[in-house]
């Protein structure tokens, strides 16, 4: 086999396998802001990404940004919650989960644990409707 043919076959194989190798090494990233839960100085806080399935901390970022922005990169694709920690290492707030298996980049995370999730509103409405129905039935007079 001539050297040119050998090099051509080698280049063809490298070109064909490069996307397969790159696909196995995809990483995810998550970023956003922690201004609603952190207090100045924001640099006293740390954010970290915890894998929901395994419970392991996959990435950590200190908030060196004066505007409370954070960014955690090089995460394996998975479902994550973002935890905000104070300077003593205690969790102040948790936001998520975020699915980084289909969307590898999440840039709009707003750590704001004072907001009431929509599911809680729906649960409250369902409970109120159940109480109202019970009161109406209890107060209904029997037909004579």
C-alpha atoms as a PDB file:
ATOM      1  CA  UNK A   1       0.000   0.000   0.000  1.00  0.00           C
ATOM      2  CA  UNK A   2       1.345   3.374  -0.911  1.00  0.00           C
ATOM      3  CA  UNK A   3       1.922   6.027   1.707  1.00  0.00           C
ATOM      4  CA  UNK A   4      -0.688   8.353   0.139  1.00  0.00           C
ATOM      5  CA  UNK A   5      -3.374   5.656   0.366  1.00  0.00           C
ATOM      6  CA  UNK A   6      -2.459   4.914   3.970  1.00  0.00           C
ATOM      7  CA  UNK A   7      -2.670   8.611   4.928  1.00  0.00           C
ATOM      8  CA  UNK A   8      -5.967   9.001   3.055  1.00  0.00           C
ATOM      9  CA  UNK A   9      -7.523   6.033   4.886  1.00  0.00           C
ATOM     10  CA  UNK A  10      -6.241   7.351   8.215  1.00  0.00           C
ATOM     11  CA  UNK A  11      -7.714  10.805   7.588  1.00  0.00           C
ATOM     12  CA  UNK A  12     -11.039   9.316   6.511  1.00  0.00           C
ATOM     13  CA  UNK A  13     -11.256   7.228   9.676  1.00  0.00           C
ATOM     14  CA  UNK A  14     -10.310  10.194  11.896  1.00  0.00           C
ATOM     15  CA  UNK A  15     -12.927  12.372  10.221  1.00  0.00           C
ATOM     16  CA  UNK A  16     -15.615   9.707  10.579  1.00  0.00           C
ATOM     17  CA  UNK A  17     -14.946   8.987  14.258  1.00  0.00           C
ATOM     18  CA  UNK A  18     -14.431  12.586  15.439  1.00  0.00           C
ATOM     19  CA  UNK A  19     -18.169  13.387  15.816  1.00  0.00           C
ATOM     20  CA  UNK A  20     -18.727  10.143  17.753  1.00  0.00           C
ATOM     21  CA  UNK A  21     -15.896  10.932  20.148  1.00  0.00           C
ATOM     22  CA  UNK A  22     -17.045  14.539  20.547  1.00  0.00           C
ATOM     23  CA  UNK A  23     -20.606  13.439  21.280  1.00  0.00           C
ATOM     24  CA  UNK A  24     -19.397  11.326  24.172  1.00  0.00           C
ATOM     25  CA  UNK A  25     -17.628  14.320  25.696  1.00  0.00           C
ATOM     26  CA  UNK A  26     -20.456  16.870  25.678  1.00  0.00           C
ATOM     27  CA  UNK A  27     -20.685  19.070  28.721  1.00  0.00           C
ATOM     28  CA  UNK A  28     -23.450  21.277  30.053  1.00  0.00           C
ATOM     29  CA  UNK A  29     -23.440  24.641  31.774  1.00  0.00           C
ATOM     30  CA  UNK A  30     -25.831  26.554  33.979  1.00  0.00           C
ATOM     31  CA  UNK A  31     -25.769  30.241  34.833  1.00  0.00           C
ATOM     32  CA  UNK A  32     -27.933  33.015  36.138  1.00  0.00           C
ATOM     33  CA  UNK A  33     -28.332  35.421  39.020  1.00  0.00           C
ATOM     34  CA  UNK A  34     -28.644  35.089  42.795  1.00  0.00           C
ATOM     35  CA  UNK A  35     -29.482  38.701  43.628  1.00  0.00           C
ATOM     36  CA  UNK A  36     -32.898  37.923  45.173  1.00  0.00           C
ATOM     37  CA  UNK A  37     -31.524  35.576  47.847  1.00  0.00           C
ATOM     38  CA  UNK A  38     -27.963  36.779  48.382  1.00  0.00           C
ATOM     39  CA  UNK A  39     -27.099  39.969  50.209  1.00  0.00           C
ATOM     40  CA  UNK A  40     -24.164  42.262  49.544  1.00  0.00           C
ATOM     41  CA  UNK A  41     -21.333  41.553  49.376  1.00  0.00           C
ATOM     42  CA  UNK A  42     -22.299  38.919  46.819  1.00  0.00           C
ATOM     43  CA  UNK A  43     -18.749  37.610  46.807  1.00  0.00           C
ATOM     44  CA  UNK A  44     -19.468  35.926  50.175  1.00  0.00           C
ATOM     45  CA  UNK A  45     -21.764  33.433  48.422  1.00  0.00           C
ATOM     46  CA  UNK A  46     -21.128  30.258  46.453  1.00  0.00           C
ATOM     47  CA  UNK A  47     -23.353  28.428  43.999  1.00  0.00           C
ATOM     48  CA  UNK A  48     -23.139  24.766  43.222  1.00  0.00           C
ATOM     49  CA  UNK A  49     -24.876  22.302  40.926  1.00  0.00           C
ATOM     50  CA  UNK A  50     -26.102  19.084  42.525  1.00  0.00           C
ATOM     51  CA  UNK A  51     -26.993  16.084  40.360  1.00  0.00           C
ATOM     52  CA  UNK A  52     -30.602  15.191  41.209  1.00  0.00           C
ATOM     53  CA  UNK A  53     -30.195  11.462  40.492  1.00  0.00           C
ATOM     54  CA  UNK A  54     -26.943  10.854  42.353  1.00  0.00           C
ATOM     55  CA  UNK A  55     -26.943  13.665  44.918  1.00  0.00           C
ATOM     56  CA  UNK A  56     -23.343  14.472  44.003  1.00  0.00           C
ATOM     57  CA  UNK A  57     -22.060  18.017  43.628  1.00  0.00           C
ATOM     58  CA  UNK A  58     -21.003  18.272  40.000  1.00  0.00           C
ATOM     59  CA  UNK A  59     -19.714  21.843  39.957  1.00  0.00           C
ATOM     60  CA  UNK A  60     -19.144  24.856  42.174  1.00  0.00           C
ATOM     61  CA  UNK A  61     -18.637  28.546  41.473  1.00  0.00           C
ATOM     62  CA  UNK A  62     -17.768  31.334  43.850  1.00  0.00           C
ATOM     63  CA  UNK A  63     -19.711  34.502  43.151  1.00  0.00           C
ATOM     64  CA  UNK A  64     -16.877  36.864  42.378  1.00  0.00           C
ATOM     65  CA  UNK A  65     -19.285  38.984  40.353  1.00  0.00           C
ATOM     66  CA  UNK A  66     -20.463  42.247  42.010  1.00  0.00           C
ATOM     67  CA  UNK A  67     -23.909  41.808  40.401  1.00  0.00           C
ATOM     68  CA  UNK A  68     -24.502  38.305  41.895  1.00  0.00           C
ATOM     69  CA  UNK A  69     -24.168  36.504  38.556  1.00  0.00           C
ATOM     70  CA  UNK A  70     -22.959  32.912  38.627  1.00  0.00           C
ATOM     71  CA  UNK A  71     -21.852  30.388  36.025  1.00  0.00           C
ATOM     72  CA  UNK A  72     -21.037  26.702  36.434  1.00  0.00           C
ATOM     73  CA  UNK A  73     -19.595  24.885  33.436  1.00  0.00           C
ATOM     74  CA  UNK A  74     -18.148  21.516  32.443  1.00  0.00           C
ATOM     75  CA  UNK A  75     -21.099  19.587  33.895  1.00  0.00           C
ATOM     76  CA  UNK A  76     -21.984  16.128  32.616  1.00  0.00           C
ATOM     77  CA  UNK A  77     -25.472  16.223  31.057  1.00  0.00           C
ATOM     78  CA  UNK A  78     -27.990  15.426  33.843  1.00  0.00           C
ATOM     79  CA  UNK A  79     -30.767  16.961  35.950  1.00  0.00           C
ATOM     80  CA  UNK A  80     -29.465  19.529  38.423  1.00  0.00           C
ATOM     81  CA  UNK A  81     -30.599  21.745  41.254  1.00  0.00           C
ATOM     82  CA  UNK A  82     -28.656  24.912  41.940  1.00  0.00           C
ATOM     83  CA  UNK A  83     -27.806  25.578  45.566  1.00  0.00           C
ATOM     84  CA  UNK A  84     -26.850  28.970  46.963  1.00  0.00           C
ATOM     85  CA  UNK A  85     -24.524  28.804  49.973  1.00  0.00           C
ATOM     86  CA  UNK A  86     -23.612  31.589  52.387  1.00  0.00           C
ATOM     87  CA  UNK A  87     -20.064  32.277  53.590  1.00  0.00           C
ATOM     88  CA  UNK A  88     -20.480  29.625  56.318  1.00  0.00           C
ATOM     89  CA  UNK A  89     -21.259  26.958  53.705  1.00  0.00           C
ATOM     90  CA  UNK A  90     -24.939  26.657  54.684  1.00  0.00           C
ATOM     91  CA  UNK A  91     -27.533  26.283  51.930  1.00  0.00           C
ATOM     92  CA  UNK A  92     -29.615  29.457  51.733  1.00  0.00           C
ATOM     93  CA  UNK A  93     -31.808  28.465  48.813  1.00  0.00           C
ATOM     94  CA  UNK A  94     -32.242  25.759  46.190  1.00  0.00           C
ATOM     95  CA  UNK A  95     -33.615  26.345  42.692  1.00  0.00           C
ATOM     96  CA  UNK A  96     -34.562  23.754  40.117  1.00  0.00           C
ATOM     97  CA  UNK A  97     -34.470  21.016  38.969  1.00  0.00           C
ATOM     98  CA  UNK A  98     -33.143  21.837  35.520  1.00  0.00           C
ATOM     99  CA  UNK A  99     -32.867  19.200  32.792  1.00  0.00           C
ATOM    100  CA  UNK A 100     -29.471  19.620  31.148  1.00  0.00           C
ATOM    101  CA  UNK A 101     -29.718  16.416  29.137  1.00  0.00           C
ATOM    102  CA  UNK A 102     -31.652  17.897  26.207  1.00  0.00           C
ATOM    103  CA  UNK A 103     -30.722  21.550  26.625  1.00  0.00           C
ATOM    104  CA  UNK A 104     -27.020  21.613  27.477  1.00  0.00           C
ATOM    105  CA  UNK A 105     -26.915  25.344  28.236  1.00  0.00           C
ATOM    106  CA  UNK A 106     -29.234  27.021  30.741  1.00  0.00           C
ATOM    107  CA  UNK A 107     -28.548  30.752  31.144  1.00  0.00           C
ATOM    108  CA  UNK A 108     -31.622  32.252  32.816  1.00  0.00           C
ATOM    109  CA  UNK A 109     -31.661  30.714  36.294  1.00  0.00           C
ATOM    110  CA  UNK A 110     -32.997  33.175  38.870  1.00  0.00           C
ATOM    111  CA  UNK A 111     -32.360  31.947  42.403  1.00  0.00           C
ATOM    112  CA  UNK A 112     -35.466  33.349  44.058  1.00  0.00           C
ATOM    113  CA  UNK A 113     -36.895  31.071  46.719  1.00  0.00           C
ATOM    114  CA  UNK A 114     -39.395  33.601  48.033  1.00  0.00           C
ATOM    115  CA  UNK A 115     -41.660  33.113  45.041  1.00  0.00           C
ATOM    116  CA  UNK A 116     -44.462  30.594  45.432  1.00  0.00           C
ATOM    117  CA  UNK A 117     -44.342  27.853  42.760  1.00  0.00           C
ATOM    118  CA  UNK A 118     -47.419  27.522  40.543  1.00  0.00           C
ATOM    119  CA  UNK A 119     -47.971  23.968  41.795  1.00  0.00           C
ATOM    120  CA  UNK A 120     -48.498  25.317  45.319  1.00  0.00           C
ATOM    121  CA  UNK A 121     -51.115  27.777  44.046  1.00  0.00           C
ATOM    122  CA  UNK A 122     -52.961  24.939  42.311  1.00  0.00           C
ATOM    123  CA  UNK A 123     -52.783  22.761  45.406  1.00  0.00           C
ATOM    124  CA  UNK A 124     -54.159  25.623  47.526  1.00  0.00           C
ATOM    125  CA  UNK A 125     -57.013  26.209  45.086  1.00  0.00           C
ATOM    126  CA  UNK A 126     -57.894  22.505  45.049  1.00  0.00           C
ATOM    127  CA  UNK A 127     -57.921  22.406  48.860  1.00  0.00           C
ATOM    128  CA  UNK A 128     -60.131  25.502  49.038  1.00  0.00           C
ATOM    129  CA  UNK A 129     -62.554  23.992  46.536  1.00  0.00           C
ATOM    130  CA  UNK A 130     -62.726  20.785  48.601  1.00  0.00           C
ATOM    131  CA  UNK A 131     -63.454  22.700  51.814  1.00  0.00           C
ATOM    132  CA  UNK A 132     -66.143  24.768  50.078  1.00  0.00           C
ATOM    133  CA  UNK A 133     -67.806  21.660  48.672  1.00  0.00           C
ATOM    134  CA  UNK A 134     -67.775  20.035  52.130  1.00  0.00           C
ATOM    135  CA  UNK A 135     -69.386  23.076  53.752  1.00  0.00           C
ATOM    136  CA  UNK A 136     -72.088  23.271  51.076  1.00  0.00           C
ATOM    137  CA  UNK A 137     -72.937  19.576  51.445  1.00  0.00           C
ATOM    138  CA  UNK A 138     -72.976  19.749  55.253  1.00  0.00           C
ATOM    139  CA  UNK A 139     -75.283  22.768  55.269  1.00  0.00           C
ATOM    140  CA  UNK A 140     -77.701  21.472  52.631  1.00  0.00           C
ATOM    141  CA  UNK A 141     -81.068  20.750  54.107  1.00  0.00           C
ATOM    142  CA  UNK A 142     -82.615  17.386  53.325  1.00  0.00           C
ATOM    143  CA  UNK A 143     -85.549  17.388  50.903  1.00  0.00           C
ATOM    144  CA  UNK A 144     -88.909  16.679  52.414  1.00  0.00           C
END
